[in-house]
Amino acid sequence: MSGHGPHADAHDPFQKKVALAMAIYAVMLAFVTMLTNQARTEALLISNEAANQWSFFQSKSTK
């Protein structure tokens, strides 16, 4: 703290680098979360399709 007021440290280059790194990490985390949600949705759709095909097979084989 340099003692020149409450916002004197706002221009500290180290704090700017830390803030930039945090912003980059936040964007990366958001991107990974989005990809994870897409993969989960795709897996659920594939699982549902497999269950539908199995049900169709069972209905044909019981006739």
C-alpha atoms as a PDB file:
ATOM      1  CA  MET A   1       0.000   0.000   0.000  1.00  0.00           C
ATOM      2  CA  SER A   2       1.464   3.295  -1.016  1.00  0.00           C
ATOM      3  CA  GLY A   3      -0.794   5.389   1.239  1.00  0.00           C
ATOM      4  CA  HIS A   4      -2.030   7.752  -1.472  1.00  0.00           C
ATOM      5  CA  GLY A   5      -5.709   6.895  -1.105  1.00  0.00           C
ATOM      6  CA  PRO A   6      -7.977   3.893  -1.405  1.00  0.00           C
ATOM      7  CA  HIS A   7      -7.441   3.466  -5.153  1.00  0.00           C
ATOM      8  CA  ALA A   8      -3.701   4.018  -5.243  1.00  0.00           C
ATOM      9  CA  ASP A   9      -2.969   0.303  -5.646  1.00  0.00           C
ATOM     10  CA  ALA A  10      -5.410  -0.040  -8.556  1.00  0.00           C
ATOM     11  CA  HIS A  11      -2.605   0.884 -10.967  1.00  0.00           C
ATOM     12  CA  ASP A  12      -0.148  -1.693  -9.611  1.00  0.00           C
ATOM     13  CA  PRO A  13       1.156  -3.738 -12.592  1.00  0.00           C
ATOM     14  CA  PHE A  14       1.164  -6.946 -10.535  1.00  0.00           C
ATOM     15  CA  GLN A  15      -2.500  -6.523  -9.641  1.00  0.00           C
ATOM     16  CA  LYS A  16      -3.342  -5.897 -13.290  1.00  0.00           C
ATOM     17  CA  LYS A  17      -1.564  -9.126 -14.259  1.00  0.00           C
ATOM     18  CA  VAL A  18      -3.386 -11.060 -11.547  1.00  0.00           C
ATOM     19  CA  ALA A  19      -6.725  -9.601 -12.646  1.00  0.00           C
ATOM     20  CA  LEU A  20      -5.992 -10.494 -16.273  1.00  0.00           C
ATOM     21  CA  ALA A  21      -5.000 -14.037 -15.310  1.00  0.00           C
ATOM     22  CA  MET A  22      -8.193 -14.425 -13.282  1.00  0.00           C
ATOM     23  CA  ALA A  23     -10.279 -13.182 -16.210  1.00  0.00           C
ATOM     24  CA  ILE A  24      -8.559 -15.620 -18.575  1.00  0.00           C
ATOM     25  CA  TYR A  25      -9.125 -18.495 -16.146  1.00  0.00           C
ATOM     26  CA  ALA A  26     -12.787 -17.526 -15.820  1.00  0.00           C
ATOM     27  CA  VAL A  27     -13.253 -17.549 -19.597  1.00  0.00           C
ATOM     28  CA  MET A  28     -11.479 -20.899 -19.893  1.00  0.00           C
ATOM     29  CA  LEU A  29     -13.612 -22.371 -17.114  1.00  0.00           C
ATOM     30  CA  ALA A  30     -16.789 -21.125 -18.787  1.00  0.00           C
ATOM     31  CA  PHE A  31     -15.687 -22.676 -22.084  1.00  0.00           C
ATOM     32  CA  VAL A  32     -14.859 -26.035 -20.476  1.00  0.00           C
ATOM     33  CA  THR A  33     -18.191 -25.988 -18.638  1.00  0.00           C
ATOM     34  CA  MET A  34     -20.008 -25.371 -21.908  1.00  0.00           C
ATOM     35  CA  LEU A  35     -18.184 -28.267 -23.588  1.00  0.00           C
ATOM     36  CA  THR A  36     -18.947 -30.534 -20.641  1.00  0.00           C
ATOM     37  CA  ASN A  37     -22.639 -29.706 -20.822  1.00  0.00           C
ATOM     38  CA  GLN A  38     -22.678 -30.396 -24.557  1.00  0.00           C
ATOM     39  CA  ALA A  39     -20.964 -33.754 -24.059  1.00  0.00           C
ATOM     40  CA  ARG A  40     -23.405 -34.695 -21.297  1.00  0.00           C
ATOM     41  CA  THR A  41     -26.375 -33.777 -23.487  1.00  0.00           C
ATOM     42  CA  GLU A  42     -24.984 -35.803 -26.380  1.00  0.00           C
ATOM     43  CA  ALA A  43     -24.394 -38.809 -24.118  1.00  0.00           C
ATOM     44  CA  LEU A  44     -27.971 -38.615 -22.835  1.00  0.00           C
ATOM     45  CA  LEU A  45     -29.329 -38.477 -26.376  1.00  0.00           C
ATOM     46  CA  ILE A  46     -27.250 -41.487 -27.419  1.00  0.00           C
ATOM     47  CA  SER A  47     -28.348 -43.415 -24.328  1.00  0.00           C
ATOM     48  CA  ASN A  48     -31.980 -42.589 -25.033  1.00  0.00           C
ATOM     49  CA  GLU A  49     -31.636 -43.706 -28.647  1.00  0.00           C
ATOM     50  CA  ALA A  50     -30.075 -47.000 -27.518  1.00  0.00           C
ATOM     51  CA  ALA A  51     -32.948 -47.570 -25.088  1.00  0.00           C
ATOM     52  CA  ASN A  52     -35.457 -46.836 -27.848  1.00  0.00           C
ATOM     53  CA  GLN A  53     -33.782 -49.301 -30.194  1.00  0.00           C
ATOM     54  CA  TRP A  54     -33.677 -51.981 -27.487  1.00  0.00           C
ATOM     55  CA  SER A  55     -37.377 -51.446 -26.742  1.00  0.00           C
ATOM     56  CA  PHE A  56     -38.171 -51.727 -30.440  1.00  0.00           C
ATOM     57  CA  PHE A  57     -36.142 -54.946 -30.690  1.00  0.00           C
ATOM     58  CA  GLN A  58     -37.888 -56.424 -27.653  1.00  0.00           C
ATOM     59  CA  SER A  59     -41.329 -55.522 -28.982  1.00  0.00           C
ATOM     60  CA  LYS A  60     -40.567 -57.223 -32.308  1.00  0.00           C
ATOM     61  CA  SER A  61     -39.137 -60.353 -30.668  1.00  0.00           C
ATOM     62  CA  THR A  62     -42.107 -60.897 -28.333  1.00  0.00           C
ATOM     63  CA  LYS A  63     -44.651 -61.105 -31.158  1.00  0.00           C
END
